[in-house]
PDB file of N, CA and C in Angstrom:
ATOM      1  N   MET A   1    -112.127 -71.088-117.854  1.00  0.00           N
ATOM      2  CA  MET A   1    -111.346 -72.298-118.016  1.00  0.00           C
ATOM      3  C   MET A   1    -112.176 -73.474-117.520  1.00  0.00           C
ATOM      4  N   SER A   2    -112.237 -74.520-118.308  1.00  0.00           N
ATOM      5  CA  SER A   2    -112.990 -75.699-117.902  1.00  0.00           C
ATOM      6  C   SER A   2    -112.125 -76.594-117.023  1.00  0.00           C
ATOM      7  N   GLU A   3    -112.764 -77.213-116.077  1.00  0.00           N
ATOM      8  CA  GLU A   3    -112.066 -78.118-115.169  1.00  0.00           C
ATOM      9  C   GLU A   3    -112.387 -79.549-115.575  1.00  0.00           C
ATOM     10  N   ASP A   4    -111.350 -80.334-115.804  1.00  0.00           N
ATOM     11  CA  ASP A   4    -111.533 -81.734-116.138  1.00  0.00           C
ATOM     12  C   ASP A   4    -111.570 -82.554-114.862  1.00  0.00           C
ATOM     13  N   THR A   5    -112.409 -83.570-114.858  1.00  0.00           N
ATOM     14  CA  THR A   5    -112.425 -84.521-113.764  1.00  0.00           C
ATOM     15  C   THR A   5    -112.155 -85.894-114.352  1.00  0.00           C
ATOM     16  N   PHE A   6    -111.471 -86.711-113.592  1.00  0.00           N
ATOM     17  CA  PHE A   6    -111.069 -88.024-114.085  1.00  0.00           C
ATOM     18  C   PHE A   6    -111.558 -89.094-113.124  1.00  0.00           C
ATOM     19  N   LYS A   7    -112.182 -90.115-113.703  1.00  0.00           N
ATOM     20  CA  LYS A   7    -112.723 -91.179-112.864  1.00  0.00           C
ATOM     21  C   LYS A   7    -111.714 -92.277-112.573  1.00  0.00           C
ATOM     22  N   ASP A   8    -110.653 -92.372-113.416  1.00  0.00           N
ATOM     23  CA  ASP A   8    -109.652 -93.410-113.197  1.00  0.00           C
ATOM     24  C   ASP A   8    -108.337 -93.024-113.875  1.00  0.00           C
ATOM     25  N   GLN A   9    -107.329 -93.836-113.675  1.00  0.00           N
ATOM     26  CA  GLN A   9    -105.993 -93.566-114.201  1.00  0.00           C
ATOM     27  C   GLN A   9    -105.990 -93.518-115.728  1.00  0.00           C
ATOM     28  N   LEU A  10    -106.703 -94.437-116.356  1.00  0.00           N
ATOM     29  CA  LEU A  10    -106.742 -94.488-117.804  1.00  0.00           C
ATOM     30  C   LEU A  10    -107.310 -93.198-118.394  1.00  0.00           C
ATOM     31  N   ALA A  11    -108.288 -92.610-117.735  1.00  0.00           N
ATOM     32  CA  ALA A  11    -108.899 -91.382-118.243  1.00  0.00           C
ATOM     33  C   ALA A  11    -107.884 -90.244-118.312  1.00  0.00           C
ATOM     34  N   ILE A  12    -107.057 -90.081-117.295  1.00  0.00           N
ATOM     35  CA  ILE A  12    -106.064 -89.004-117.326  1.00  0.00           C
ATOM     36  C   ILE A  12    -104.945 -89.323-118.322  1.00  0.00           C
ATOM     37  N   GLU A  13    -104.595 -90.594-118.463  1.00  0.00           N
ATOM     38  CA  GLU A  13    -103.585 -90.985-119.450  1.00  0.00           C
ATOM     39  C   GLU A  13    -104.060 -90.654-120.866  1.00  0.00           C
ATOM     40  N   GLU A  14    -105.307 -90.977-121.147  1.00  0.00           N
ATOM     41  CA  GLU A  14    -105.856 -90.705-122.472  1.00  0.00           C
ATOM     42  C   GLU A  14    -105.991 -89.207-122.724  1.00  0.00           C
ATOM     43  N   LYS A  15    -106.360 -88.447-121.703  1.00  0.00           N
ATOM     44  CA  LYS A  15    -106.484 -86.997-121.848  1.00  0.00           C
ATOM     45  C   LYS A  15    -105.111 -86.361-122.075  1.00  0.00           C
ATOM     46  N   ALA A  16    -104.091 -86.840-121.374  1.00  0.00           N
ATOM     47  CA  ALA A  16    -102.735 -86.328-121.580  1.00  0.00           C
ATOM     48  C   ALA A  16    -102.268 -86.638-123.004  1.00  0.00           C
ATOM     49  N   GLU A  17    -102.589 -87.823-123.498  1.00  0.00           N
ATOM     50  CA  GLU A  17    -102.241 -88.183-124.876  1.00  0.00           C
ATOM     51  C   GLU A  17    -102.950 -87.252-125.861  1.00  0.00           C
ATOM     52  N   ASP A  18    -104.220 -86.958-125.612  1.00  0.00           N
ATOM     53  CA  ASP A  18    -104.982 -86.063-126.475  1.00  0.00           C
ATOM     54  C   ASP A  18    -104.383 -84.653-126.471  1.00  0.00           C
ATOM     55  N   LEU A  19    -104.011 -84.167-125.290  1.00  0.00           N
ATOM     56  CA  LEU A  19    -103.393 -82.844-125.195  1.00  0.00           C
ATOM     57  C   LEU A  19    -102.053 -82.809-125.929  1.00  0.00           C
ATOM     58  N   ALA A  20    -101.285 -83.885-125.845  1.00  0.00           N
ATOM     59  CA  ALA A  20    -100.011 -83.953-126.554  1.00  0.00           C
ATOM     60  C   ALA A  20    -100.235 -83.902-128.065  1.00  0.00           C
ATOM     61  N   LYS A  21    -101.257 -84.583-128.548  1.00  0.00           N
ATOM     62  CA  LYS A  21    -101.575 -84.545-129.978  1.00  0.00           C
ATOM     63  C   LYS A  21    -101.983 -83.141-130.408  1.00  0.00           C
ATOM     64  N   GLN A  22    -102.775 -82.460-129.564  1.00  0.00           N
ATOM     65  CA  GLN A  22    -103.177 -81.089-129.867  1.00  0.00           C
ATOM     66  C   GLN A  22    -101.965 -80.170-129.921  1.00  0.00           C
ATOM     67  N   ALA A  23    -101.072 -80.305-128.945  1.00  0.00           N
ATOM     68  CA  ALA A  23     -99.866 -79.476-128.896  1.00  0.00           C
ATOM     69  C   ALA A  23     -98.994 -79.731-130.115  1.00  0.00           C
ATOM     70  N   MET A  24     -98.905 -80.965-130.546  1.00  0.00           N
ATOM     71  CA  MET A  24     -98.118 -81.302-131.725  1.00  0.00           C
ATOM     72  C   MET A  24     -98.755 -80.715-132.983  1.00  0.00           C
ATOM     73  N   ASP A  25    -100.077 -80.817-133.097  1.00  0.00           N
ATOM     74  CA  ASP A  25    -100.784 -80.263-134.251  1.00  0.00           C
ATOM     75  C   ASP A  25    -100.603 -78.748-134.351  1.00  0.00           C
ATOM     76  N   LEU A  26    -100.506 -78.080-133.210  1.00  0.00           N
ATOM     77  CA  LEU A  26    -100.316 -76.629-133.186  1.00  0.00           C
ATOM     78  C   LEU A  26     -98.858 -76.217-133.340  1.00  0.00           C
ATOM     79  N   GLY A  27     -97.965 -77.199-133.377  1.00  0.00           N
ATOM     80  CA  GLY A  27     -96.547 -76.905-133.524  1.00  0.00           C
ATOM     81  C   GLY A  27     -95.870 -76.468-132.239  1.00  0.00           C
ATOM     82  N   LEU A  28     -96.512 -76.708-131.101  1.00  0.00           N
ATOM     83  CA  LEU A  28     -95.936 -76.321-129.812  1.00  0.00           C
ATOM     84  C   LEU A  28     -94.862 -77.298-129.352  1.00  0.00           C
ATOM     85  N   ILE A  29     -94.981 -78.538-129.770  1.00  0.00           N
ATOM     86  CA  ILE A  29     -93.959 -79.555-129.502  1.00  0.00           C
ATOM     87  C   ILE A  29     -93.722 -80.308-130.812  1.00  0.00           C
ATOM     88  N   PRO A  30     -92.500 -80.737-131.069  1.00  0.00           N
ATOM     89  CA  PRO A  30     -92.239 -81.437-132.328  1.00  0.00           C
ATOM     90  C   PRO A  30     -92.715 -82.892-132.335  1.00  0.00           C
ATOM     91  N   SER A  31     -92.752 -83.504-131.162  1.00  0.00           N
ATOM     92  CA  SER A  31     -93.167 -84.900-131.052  1.00  0.00           C
ATOM     93  C   SER A  31     -93.368 -85.222-129.579  1.00  0.00           C
ATOM     94  N   PHE A  32     -93.808 -86.432-129.305  1.00  0.00           N
ATOM     95  CA  PHE A  32     -93.894 -86.918-127.930  1.00  0.00           C
ATOM     96  C   PHE A  32     -93.787 -88.431-127.948  1.00  0.00           C
ATOM     97  N   THR A  33     -93.390 -88.979-126.820  1.00  0.00           N
ATOM     98  CA  THR A  33     -93.244 -90.421-126.678  1.00  0.00           C
ATOM     99  C   THR A  33     -94.024 -90.877-125.464  1.00  0.00           C
ATOM    100  N   ILE A  34     -94.693 -92.005-125.597  1.00  0.00           N
ATOM    101  CA  ILE A  34     -95.389 -92.608-124.463  1.00  0.00           C
ATOM    102  C   ILE A  34     -94.858 -94.022-124.291  1.00  0.00           C
ATOM    103  N   ARG A  35     -94.452 -94.330-123.089  1.00  0.00           N
ATOM    104  CA  ARG A  35     -94.122 -95.713-122.734  1.00  0.00           C
ATOM    105  C   ARG A  35     -95.351 -96.295-122.050  1.00  0.00           C
ATOM    106  N   TYR A  36     -95.849 -97.378-122.629  1.00  0.00           N
ATOM    107  CA  TYR A  36     -97.049 -98.013-122.093  1.00  0.00           C
ATOM    108  C   TYR A  36     -96.651 -99.167-121.175  1.00  0.00           C
ATOM    109  N   TYR A  37     -97.036 -99.076-119.920  1.00  0.00           N
ATOM    110  CA  TYR A  37     -96.855-100.153-118.956  1.00  0.00           C
ATOM    111  C   TYR A  37     -98.237-100.598-118.491  1.00  0.00           C
ATOM    112  N   PRO A  38     -98.364-101.805-117.994  1.00  0.00           N
ATOM    113  CA  PRO A  38     -99.683-102.287-117.577  1.00  0.00           C
ATOM    114  C   PRO A  38    -100.353-101.419-116.511  1.00  0.00           C
ATOM    115  N   ASP A  39     -99.557-100.827-115.629  1.00  0.00           N
ATOM    116  CA  ASP A  39    -100.156-100.067-114.534  1.00  0.00           C
ATOM    117  C   ASP A  39    -100.132 -98.555-114.735  1.00  0.00           C
ATOM    118  N   CYS A  40     -99.301 -98.063-115.662  1.00  0.00           N
ATOM    119  CA  CYS A  40     -99.206 -96.613-115.846  1.00  0.00           C
ATOM    120  C   CYS A  40     -98.445 -96.299-117.133  1.00  0.00           C
ATOM    121  N   TRP A  41     -98.768 -95.168-117.734  1.00  0.00           N
ATOM    122  CA  TRP A  41     -98.052 -94.702-118.911  1.00  0.00           C
ATOM    123  C   TRP A  41     -97.026 -93.665-118.484  1.00  0.00           C
ATOM    124  N   GLU A  42     -95.931 -93.545-119.245  1.00  0.00           N
ATOM    125  CA  GLU A  42     -94.928 -92.511-119.020  1.00  0.00           C
ATOM    126  C   GLU A  42     -94.828 -91.660-120.281  1.00  0.00           C
ATOM    127  N   PHE A  43     -94.759 -90.344-120.090  1.00  0.00           N
ATOM    128  CA  PHE A  43     -94.728 -89.411-121.210  1.00  0.00           C
ATOM    129  C   PHE A  43     -93.379 -88.720-121.278  1.00  0.00           C
ATOM    130  N   PHE A  44     -92.895 -88.503-122.498  1.00  0.00           N
ATOM    131  CA  PHE A  44     -91.676 -87.738-122.702  1.00  0.00           C
ATOM    132  C   PHE A  44     -91.943 -86.693-123.774  1.00  0.00           C
ATOM    133  N   LEU A  45     -91.687 -85.434-123.423  1.00  0.00           N
ATOM    134  CA  LEU A  45     -91.810 -84.321-124.355  1.00  0.00           C
ATOM    135  C   LEU A  45     -90.394 -83.872-124.673  1.00  0.00           C
ATOM    136  N   PRO A  46     -89.966 -83.954-125.922  1.00  0.00           N
ATOM    137  CA  PRO A  46     -88.555 -83.749-126.257  1.00  0.00           C
ATOM    138  C   PRO A  46     -87.981 -82.376-125.930  1.00  0.00           C
ATOM    139  N   ASN A  47     -88.768 -81.330-125.874  1.00  0.00           N
ATOM    140  CA  ASN A  47     -88.195 -80.028-125.559  1.00  0.00           C
ATOM    141  C   ASN A  47     -88.373 -79.647-124.091  1.00  0.00           C
ATOM    142  N   GLN A  48     -88.571 -80.626-123.241  1.00  0.00           N
ATOM    143  CA  GLN A  48     -88.613 -80.350-121.810  1.00  0.00           C
ATOM    144  C   GLN A  48     -87.182 -80.342-121.287  1.00  0.00           C
ATOM    145  N   THR A  49     -86.932 -79.606-120.235  1.00  0.00           N
ATOM    146  CA  THR A  49     -85.579 -79.498-119.707  1.00  0.00           C
ATOM    147  C   THR A  49     -85.201 -80.698-118.855  1.00  0.00           C
ATOM    148  N   GLU A  50     -86.176 -81.367-118.276  1.00  0.00           N
ATOM    149  CA  GLU A  50     -85.904 -82.544-117.461  1.00  0.00           C
ATOM    150  C   GLU A  50     -85.727 -83.760-118.367  1.00  0.00           C
ATOM    151  N   PRO A  51     -84.704 -84.563-118.137  1.00  0.00           N
ATOM    152  CA  PRO A  51     -84.479 -85.722-119.003  1.00  0.00           C
ATOM    153  C   PRO A  51     -85.392 -86.915-118.679  1.00  0.00           C
ATOM    154  N   ASP A  52     -86.116 -86.850-117.584  1.00  0.00           N
ATOM    155  CA  ASP A  52     -86.943 -87.976-117.153  1.00  0.00           C
ATOM    156  C   ASP A  52     -88.306 -87.973-117.828  1.00  0.00           C
ATOM    157  N   PHE A  53     -88.901 -89.139-117.864  1.00  0.00           N
ATOM    158  CA  PHE A  53     -90.272 -89.260-118.333  1.00  0.00           C
ATOM    159  C   PHE A  53     -91.206 -88.679-117.282  1.00  0.00           C
ATOM    160  N   LEU A  54     -92.367 -88.202-117.732  1.00  0.00           N
ATOM    161  CA  LEU A  54     -93.359 -87.605-116.851  1.00  0.00           C
ATOM    162  C   LEU A  54     -94.466 -88.602-116.544  1.00  0.00           C
ATOM    163  N   THR A  55     -95.044 -88.476-115.362  1.00  0.00           N
ATOM    164  CA  THR A  55     -96.239 -89.251-115.043  1.00  0.00           C
ATOM    165  C   THR A  55     -97.387 -88.681-115.878  1.00  0.00           C
ATOM    166  N   PRO A  56     -98.481 -89.405-116.013  1.00  0.00           N
ATOM    167  CA  PRO A  56     -99.623 -88.862-116.753  1.00  0.00           C
ATOM    168  C   PRO A  56    -100.117 -87.533-116.160  1.00  0.00           C
ATOM    169  N   GLU A  57    -100.099 -87.430-114.845  1.00  0.00           N
ATOM    170  CA  GLU A  57    -100.552 -86.212-114.195  1.00  0.00           C
ATOM    171  C   GLU A  57     -99.627 -85.037-114.516  1.00  0.00           C
ATOM    172  N   GLU A  58     -98.309 -85.272-114.447  1.00  0.00           N
ATOM    173  CA  GLU A  58     -97.340 -84.221-114.767  1.00  0.00           C
ATOM    174  C   GLU A  58     -97.472 -83.803-116.229  1.00  0.00           C
ATOM    175  N   ALA A  59     -97.611 -84.774-117.112  1.00  0.00           N
ATOM    176  CA  ALA A  59     -97.761 -84.480-118.538  1.00  0.00           C
ATOM    177  C   ALA A  59     -99.041 -83.693-118.791  1.00  0.00           C
ATOM    178  N   TYR A  60    -100.128 -84.092-118.144  1.00  0.00           N
ATOM    179  CA  TYR A  60    -101.406 -83.395-118.309  1.00  0.00           C
ATOM    180  C   TYR A  60    -101.261 -81.928-117.937  1.00  0.00           C
ATOM    181  N   PHE A  61    -100.723 -81.646-116.755  1.00  0.00           N
ATOM    182  CA  PHE A  61    -100.622 -80.261-116.299  1.00  0.00           C
ATOM    183  C   PHE A  61     -99.638 -79.453-117.149  1.00  0.00           C
ATOM    184  N   LYS A  62     -98.536 -80.049-117.549  1.00  0.00           N
ATOM    185  CA  LYS A  62     -97.556 -79.352-118.381  1.00  0.00           C
ATOM    186  C   LYS A  62     -98.161 -79.020-119.749  1.00  0.00           C
ATOM    187  N   LEU A  63     -98.838 -79.980-120.354  1.00  0.00           N
ATOM    188  CA  LEU A  63     -99.452 -79.765-121.663  1.00  0.00           C
ATOM    189  C   LEU A  63    -100.638 -78.808-121.577  1.00  0.00           C
ATOM    190  N   LYS A  64    -101.427 -78.904-120.531  1.00  0.00           N
ATOM    191  CA  LYS A  64    -102.560 -77.999-120.340  1.00  0.00           C
ATOM    192  C   LYS A  64    -102.064 -76.559-120.247  1.00  0.00           C
ATOM    193  N   LYS A  65    -100.989 -76.346-119.481  1.00  0.00           N
ATOM    194  CA  LYS A  65    -100.409 -75.014-119.328  1.00  0.00           C
ATOM    195  C   LYS A  65     -99.860 -74.520-120.670  1.00  0.00           C
ATOM    196  N   LEU A  66     -99.211 -75.385-121.412  1.00  0.00           N
ATOM    197  CA  LEU A  66     -98.657 -75.036-122.719  1.00  0.00           C
ATOM    198  C   LEU A  66     -99.765 -74.617-123.685  1.00  0.00           C
ATOM    199  N   LEU A  67    -100.847 -75.388-123.723  1.00  0.00           N
ATOM    200  CA  LEU A  67    -101.963 -75.082-124.609  1.00  0.00           C
ATOM    201  C   LEU A  67    -102.702 -73.810-124.179  1.00  0.00           C
ATOM    202  N   GLU A  68    -102.859 -73.603-122.877  1.00  0.00           N
ATOM    203  CA  GLU A  68    -103.504 -72.385-122.397  1.00  0.00           C
ATOM    204  C   GLU A  68    -102.668 -71.166-122.755  1.00  0.00           C
ATOM    205  N   GLY A  69    -101.357 -71.293-122.686  1.00  0.00           N
ATOM    206  CA  GLY A  69    -100.466 -70.200-123.074  1.00  0.00           C
ATOM    207  C   GLY A  69    -100.577 -69.876-124.557  1.00  0.00           C
ATOM    208  N   ALA A  70    -100.949 -70.869-125.348  1.00  0.00           N
ATOM    209  CA  ALA A  70    -101.113 -70.681-126.781  1.00  0.00           C
ATOM    210  C   ALA A  70    -102.550 -70.266-127.130  1.00  0.00           C
ATOM    211  N   GLY A  71    -103.407 -70.207-126.106  1.00  0.00           N
ATOM    212  CA  GLY A  71    -104.802 -69.816-126.340  1.00  0.00           C
ATOM    213  C   GLY A  71    -105.716 -70.952-126.704  1.00  0.00           C
ATOM    214  N   LYS A  72    -105.269 -72.191-126.580  1.00  0.00           N
ATOM    215  CA  LYS A  72    -106.090 -73.371-126.900  1.00  0.00           C
ATOM    216  C   LYS A  72    -106.098 -74.286-125.690  1.00  0.00           C
ATOM    217  N   SER A  73    -107.286 -74.621-125.186  1.00  0.00           N
ATOM    218  CA  SER A  73    -107.345 -75.553-124.066  1.00  0.00           C
ATOM    219  C   SER A  73    -108.453 -76.560-124.225  1.00  0.00           C
TER     220      SER A  73
END
């Protein structure tokens, strides 16, 4: 398993967005929503049990785990 390192907040936000696109392309999630704020992005995955938006870090780890479970990381 490769370990990602992030130099700033934008890097993890962009990586989480990329992972969400990969998960959507594989049919693991039907869609995703990102709320863009000047200081941070918020992610929402529609088939998550929590009704709240996720931080970029939470979205990254949730999507990474989902993709690893599907054999794609």
